[in-house]
Protein backbone atom coordinates (compact mmCIF):
# COMPACT_ATOMS: atom_id res chain seq x y z
CA UNK A 1 0.17 0.08 0.22
CA UNK A 2 1.24 3.61 -1.12
CA UNK A 3 1.23 6.02 1.76
CA UNK A 4 -0.17 9.56 0.72
CA UNK A 5 0.37 12.77 2.14
CA UNK A 6 -2.15 14.81 4.41
CA UNK A 7 -2.15 17.17 1.57
CA UNK A 8 -2.83 14.79 -1.08
CA UNK A 9 -6.00 13.57 1.22
CA UNK A 10 -7.24 16.84 1.89
CA UNK A 11 -7.44 17.81 -2.29
CA UNK A 12 -10.35 15.07 -2.66
CA UNK A 13 -13.92 16.27 -2.00
CA UNK A 14 -15.31 13.47 -0.34
CA UNK A 15 -19.60 14.75 -0.26
CA UNK A 16 -22.72 13.62 0.53
CA UNK A 17 -25.67 13.51 -1.64
CA UNK A 18 -29.16 12.62 -2.09
CA UNK A 19 -30.32 10.43 -4.91
CA UNK A 20 -33.07 12.02 -6.98
CA UNK A 21 -33.71 9.35 -9.61
CA UNK A 22 -32.20 5.83 -10.80
CA UNK A 23 -32.90 4.18 -14.15
CA UNK A 24 -31.20 0.97 -15.27
CA UNK A 25 -27.94 1.76 -17.44
CA UNK A 26 -29.05 -0.42 -20.71
CA UNK A 27 -25.68 0.40 -22.29
CA UNK A 28 -23.51 -0.62 -19.86
CA UNK A 29 -21.39 -3.85 -20.33
CA UNK A 30 -21.74 -4.76 -16.42
CA UNK A 31 -25.46 -4.28 -14.94
CA UNK A 32 -25.40 -0.70 -13.65
CA UNK A 33 -27.57 2.43 -12.79
CA UNK A 34 -27.38 5.67 -13.42
CA UNK A 35 -28.20 7.85 -10.69
CA UNK A 36 -28.98 11.74 -10.14
CA UNK A 37 -27.35 12.78 -7.34
CA UNK A 38 -28.15 16.14 -5.57
CA UNK A 39 -25.25 17.67 -3.53
CA UNK A 40 -27.24 20.89 -2.56
CA UNK A 41 -26.64 24.20 -4.04
CA UNK A 42 -22.99 24.56 -4.02
CA UNK A 43 -22.57 21.81 -6.25
CA UNK A 44 -25.87 20.87 -7.74
CA UNK A 45 -26.85 17.49 -9.13
CA UNK A 46 -24.62 14.78 -10.86
CA UNK A 47 -25.31 11.98 -12.66
CA UNK A 48 -22.81 8.39 -11.92
CA UNK A 49 -22.90 5.00 -12.83
CA UNK A 50 -23.07 2.62 -10.24
CA UNK A 51 -22.49 -0.88 -10.07
CA UNK A 52 -25.03 -1.60 -7.29
CA UNK A 53 -27.69 -3.78 -8.81
CA UNK A 54 -26.77 -6.61 -6.95
CA UNK A 55 -27.58 -5.32 -3.51
CA UNK A 56 -30.06 -2.34 -4.31
CA UNK A 57 -33.48 -2.16 -6.29
CA UNK A 58 -34.08 1.53 -8.05
CA UNK A 59 -37.15 1.80 -5.69
CA UNK A 60 -34.82 1.13 -2.52
CA UNK A 61 -32.27 3.99 -3.50
CA UNK A 62 -34.60 7.00 -3.96
CA UNK A 63 -33.95 9.15 -1.30
CA UNK A 64 -30.97 7.62 -0.06
CA UNK A 65 -27.89 9.68 1.22
CA UNK A 66 -24.49 8.57 -0.08
CA UNK A 67 -20.84 9.63 -0.04
CA UNK A 68 -19.29 10.67 -3.44
CA UNK A 69 -16.37 12.08 -4.89
CA UNK A 70 -17.28 15.28 -6.60
CA UNK A 71 -13.78 16.76 -7.87
CA UNK A 72 -12.86 14.06 -10.35
CA UNK A 73 -12.91 14.75 -14.22
CA UNK A 74 -16.06 13.79 -15.95
CA UNK A 75 -15.47 10.13 -17.34
CA UNK A 76 -17.21 8.94 -20.60
CA UNK A 77 -18.79 5.26 -19.68
CA UNK A 78 -20.39 4.26 -22.72
CA UNK A 79 -22.76 6.77 -23.76
CA UNK A 80 -22.88 8.54 -20.22
CA UNK A 81 -20.82 11.33 -19.04
CA UNK A 82 -20.50 10.53 -15.38
CA UNK A 83 -20.19 13.55 -13.22
CA UNK A 84 -18.77 12.08 -9.99
CA UNK A 85 -17.75 8.85 -8.29
CA UNK A 86 -20.19 7.26 -5.73
CA UNK A 87 -18.29 4.93 -3.42
CA UNK A 88 -18.84 1.74 -1.92
CA UNK A 89 -17.21 -1.34 -0.80
CA UNK A 90 -17.22 -4.72 -2.59
CA UNK A 91 -18.77 -7.81 -0.35
CA UNK A 92 -17.74 -10.98 -0.25
CA UNK A 93 -20.45 -12.47 -2.99
CA UNK A 94 -18.96 -9.50 -5.26
CA UNK A 95 -21.82 -6.97 -4.69
CA UNK A 96 -20.40 -3.34 -3.77
CA UNK A 97 -22.59 -2.09 -0.59
CA UNK A 98 -22.82 1.94 -0.78
CA UNK A 99 -20.99 4.12 1.65
CA UNK A 100 -23.37 5.79 3.37
CA UNK A 101 -23.49 8.27 6.37
CA UNK A 102 -25.43 6.56 9.54
CA UNK A 103 -27.47 9.72 10.38
CA UNK A 104 -29.32 12.34 8.45
CA UNK A 105 -26.61 14.68 7.01
CA UNK A 106 -27.21 18.00 4.35
CA UNK A 107 -26.52 17.20 1.05
CA UNK A 108 -23.47 18.98 -0.03
CA UNK A 109 -21.76 18.25 3.24
CA UNK A 110 -17.85 17.47 3.33
CA UNK A 111 -16.23 14.65 5.03
CA UNK A 112 -13.54 15.86 6.98
């Protein structure tokens, strides 16, 4: 494991967002959803592709708070331009469990 400096870590903008909508990402090679995530007034709504179909159904995700990196460059994923990276952890069965706050947090709040 490579160590990074505190200054490097401070550059990463991990923010809380609330999922507004979820659509099947039919063009993705791996089953995925397209998420619209609201990060509050300062950042706004951003799109992301998420490979979370194993553990989550679309209706379970609406209104859910998630942690995402919001200061990465946009990334083309098939026909989608992803605007943030929603974070999660791989489970023992290969699914992805979302990284979520365990209390209500205002959208746009920064992890520190």
